[in-house]
């Protein structure tokens, strides 16, 4: 049976656009765990990201309680060193309220062009993961802060820095609060050439 020709006027397409426009970075989460099966489904959708030469450079690390506890100690130390102990404790406390932790990495390549393409693919995979969760009512935040570049973080997660680098730490969970946001009109960023 032949598929009908897609129409840009379909409700299904408009609904998909609403999912894309509706996704928000979530800072505050409810204390409710996301089912492991849903996270796995989101990861299975993630790996269908565009990927030049099908190198599949991504790796995903789901952090458990022990790994998260080590990360909380590490961020407390990082912030205490940069600012002060009170701020370090505050940061660790706020991070302890993040229900789900996923680290996305990219395999390193000696070829600059391949590395750039692979990083882009990992970013697209991360977005796929976040959008899939959003459609299921789960919010997320993608961070690339100091902790993701700290060698101690690599040790906690078990990342071989000679072979891969961190694309991001993704927190996920059910949103406590969903912020509003806006974007520039498309005419402000679209350059149409003859």
Protein backbone atom coordinates (compact mmCIF):
# COMPACT_ATOMS: atom_id res chain seq x y z
CA UNK A 1 0.00 0.00 0.00
CA UNK A 2 1.40 3.34 -1.06
CA UNK A 3 1.79 6.04 1.59
CA UNK A 4 -0.19 9.21 0.97
CA UNK A 5 1.84 12.24 -0.03
CA UNK A 6 2.57 14.29 3.10
CA UNK A 7 0.85 17.63 3.30
CA UNK A 8 2.23 20.70 4.98
CA UNK A 9 -1.35 21.52 5.94
CA UNK A 10 -1.91 18.43 8.10
CA UNK A 11 -2.83 18.61 11.78
CA UNK A 12 -0.19 15.98 12.49
CA UNK A 13 2.52 18.27 11.11
CA UNK A 14 1.21 21.26 13.09
CA UNK A 15 1.20 19.11 16.24
CA UNK A 16 4.80 18.11 15.56
CA UNK A 17 5.72 21.77 15.15
CA UNK A 18 4.12 22.50 18.53
CA UNK A 19 6.31 19.83 20.15
CA UNK A 20 9.40 21.45 18.62
CA UNK A 21 8.38 24.98 19.62
CA UNK A 22 7.10 23.91 23.03
CA UNK A 23 10.22 22.19 24.37
CA UNK A 24 11.86 24.17 27.15
CA UNK A 25 14.96 23.87 29.27
CA UNK A 26 13.72 22.76 32.67
CA UNK A 27 15.47 23.90 35.83
CA UNK A 28 13.08 22.53 38.47
CA UNK A 29 11.85 18.94 38.48
CA UNK A 30 9.31 16.97 40.46
CA UNK A 31 10.72 14.24 42.70
CA UNK A 32 9.38 11.49 40.45
CA UNK A 33 11.59 9.11 38.53
CA UNK A 34 11.16 8.68 34.80
CA UNK A 35 10.53 5.02 33.87
CA UNK A 36 13.70 3.30 32.62
CA UNK A 37 11.77 1.90 29.64
CA UNK A 38 10.87 5.43 28.50
CA UNK A 39 14.51 6.56 28.78
CA UNK A 40 15.59 3.56 26.71
CA UNK A 41 12.93 4.33 24.07
CA UNK A 42 14.19 7.94 23.93
CA UNK A 43 17.76 6.71 23.44
CA UNK A 44 16.63 4.36 20.69
CA UNK A 45 15.06 7.38 18.95
CA UNK A 46 18.18 9.47 19.63
CA UNK A 47 20.49 7.29 17.56
CA UNK A 48 18.44 7.92 14.42
CA UNK A 49 20.00 11.37 14.21
CA UNK A 50 21.65 12.38 10.92
CA UNK A 51 25.10 10.84 10.92
CA UNK A 52 27.61 11.32 8.07
CA UNK A 53 29.19 8.02 6.99
CA UNK A 54 27.20 6.26 9.76
CA UNK A 55 30.09 6.54 12.21
CA UNK A 56 27.64 6.42 15.17
CA UNK A 57 30.10 8.33 17.38
CA UNK A 58 27.80 8.75 20.38
CA UNK A 59 27.95 6.95 23.70
CA UNK A 60 25.44 7.36 26.51
CA UNK A 61 26.17 6.92 30.20
CA UNK A 62 23.22 6.66 32.61
CA UNK A 63 24.36 7.66 36.07
CA UNK A 64 23.16 5.80 39.15
CA UNK A 65 23.00 6.95 42.76
CA UNK A 66 26.70 6.39 43.52
CA UNK A 67 27.87 8.22 40.40
CA UNK A 68 25.48 11.10 41.07
CA UNK A 69 26.71 11.36 44.67
CA UNK A 70 30.29 11.59 43.40
CA UNK A 71 29.26 14.28 40.90
CA UNK A 72 27.60 16.27 43.69
CA UNK A 73 30.82 16.16 45.72
CA UNK A 74 32.78 17.21 42.64
CA UNK A 75 30.55 20.17 41.75
CA UNK A 76 30.66 21.31 45.37
CA UNK A 77 34.47 21.26 45.17
CA UNK A 78 34.58 23.03 41.78
CA UNK A 79 32.25 25.84 42.88
CA UNK A 80 33.90 26.17 46.31
CA UNK A 81 37.28 26.62 44.60
CA UNK A 82 35.91 29.20 42.12
CA UNK A 83 33.63 31.08 44.54
CA UNK A 84 33.17 29.90 48.13
CA UNK A 85 31.95 26.98 50.28
CA UNK A 86 28.44 28.39 50.69
CA UNK A 87 27.96 28.59 46.90
CA UNK A 88 29.48 25.11 46.51
CA UNK A 89 26.97 23.63 48.97
CA UNK A 90 24.12 25.51 47.30
CA UNK A 91 25.07 24.18 43.84
CA UNK A 92 25.40 20.60 45.11
CA UNK A 93 22.02 20.85 46.85
CA UNK A 94 20.26 22.18 43.74
CA UNK A 95 21.85 19.49 41.58
CA UNK A 96 20.77 16.79 44.04
CA UNK A 97 17.18 17.56 43.02
CA UNK A 98 17.76 16.47 39.39
CA UNK A 99 16.05 13.06 39.05
CA UNK A 100 17.73 11.66 35.91
CA UNK A 101 21.35 12.04 34.77
CA UNK A 102 22.66 11.11 31.31
CA UNK A 103 26.09 11.90 29.89
CA UNK A 104 26.47 12.05 26.11
CA UNK A 105 29.94 11.65 24.64
CA UNK A 106 31.45 11.79 21.16
CA UNK A 107 34.21 9.54 19.91
CA UNK A 108 37.37 11.47 19.03
CA UNK A 109 38.73 11.55 15.49
CA UNK A 110 42.13 12.66 14.18
CA UNK A 111 40.37 14.00 11.10
CA UNK A 112 39.06 17.54 11.76
CA UNK A 113 36.19 17.25 9.29
CA UNK A 114 35.04 13.91 10.71
CA UNK A 115 35.28 15.28 14.25
CA UNK A 116 33.09 18.25 13.37
CA UNK A 117 30.53 16.00 11.63
CA UNK A 118 30.52 13.53 14.52
CA UNK A 119 30.04 16.28 17.10
CA UNK A 120 27.12 17.65 15.09
CA UNK A 121 25.61 14.15 14.95
CA UNK A 122 25.93 13.78 18.73
CA UNK A 123 24.22 17.15 19.20
CA UNK A 124 21.39 16.05 16.91
CA UNK A 125 21.09 12.78 18.85
CA UNK A 126 20.91 14.72 22.11
CA UNK A 127 18.12 16.89 20.70
CA UNK A 128 16.26 13.78 19.51
CA UNK A 129 16.51 12.35 23.04
CA UNK A 130 15.21 15.54 24.61
CA UNK A 131 12.36 15.96 22.11
CA UNK A 132 11.23 12.35 22.56
CA UNK A 133 11.12 12.84 26.32
CA UNK A 134 9.33 16.20 25.91
CA UNK A 135 6.57 14.57 23.87
CA UNK A 136 6.16 12.12 26.77
CA UNK A 137 5.83 14.97 29.29
CA UNK A 138 9.42 14.77 30.53
CA UNK A 139 11.60 17.87 30.59
CA UNK A 140 15.37 18.14 30.38
CA UNK A 141 18.35 20.44 30.65
CA UNK A 142 21.53 20.10 28.59
CA UNK A 143 24.54 21.47 30.43
CA UNK A 144 28.11 21.91 29.22
CA UNK A 145 29.39 23.58 32.39
CA UNK A 146 32.76 23.25 34.10
CA UNK A 147 32.07 19.78 35.45
CA UNK A 148 31.82 18.32 31.92
CA UNK A 149 35.44 19.34 31.22
CA UNK A 150 36.90 18.22 34.54
CA UNK A 151 39.12 15.11 34.43
CA UNK A 152 37.62 13.96 37.73
CA UNK A 153 34.19 13.87 36.07
CA UNK A 154 35.64 11.64 33.35
CA UNK A 155 36.95 9.34 36.09
CA UNK A 156 33.58 9.20 37.87
CA UNK A 157 31.71 8.36 34.67
CA UNK A 158 34.40 6.04 33.28
CA UNK A 159 35.12 8.05 30.15
CA UNK A 160 38.44 7.48 28.39
CA UNK A 161 39.57 11.03 27.55
CA UNK A 162 41.91 9.69 24.85
CA UNK A 163 38.97 8.18 22.95
CA UNK A 164 35.95 10.42 23.61
CA UNK A 165 34.85 13.79 24.96
CA UNK A 166 31.70 14.99 26.72
CA UNK A 167 29.04 16.60 24.54
CA UNK A 168 26.82 17.30 27.52
CA UNK A 169 25.33 16.28 30.80
CA UNK A 170 21.57 15.94 30.41
CA UNK A 171 19.28 16.14 33.42
CA UNK A 172 15.75 14.90 32.89
CA UNK A 173 12.54 14.51 34.85
CA UNK A 174 8.97 15.66 35.12
CA UNK A 175 8.84 19.48 35.09
CA UNK A 176 7.85 21.33 38.24
CA UNK A 177 7.73 24.57 36.27
CA UNK A 178 7.81 25.16 32.50
CA UNK A 179 9.11 28.59 31.52
CA UNK A 180 7.84 30.63 28.60
CA UNK A 181 10.17 31.75 25.87
CA UNK A 182 10.24 33.47 22.49
CA UNK A 183 12.39 33.59 19.37
CA UNK A 184 13.15 36.25 16.78
CA UNK A 185 10.84 36.18 13.76
CA UNK A 186 12.20 33.96 11.02
CA UNK A 187 12.66 36.97 8.72
CA UNK A 188 15.27 38.29 11.17
CA UNK A 189 17.49 35.23 10.68
CA UNK A 190 16.62 34.04 7.16
CA UNK A 191 18.82 35.15 4.29
CA UNK A 192 17.18 34.37 0.98
CA UNK A 193 19.54 34.34 -1.99
CA UNK A 194 18.57 34.80 -5.63
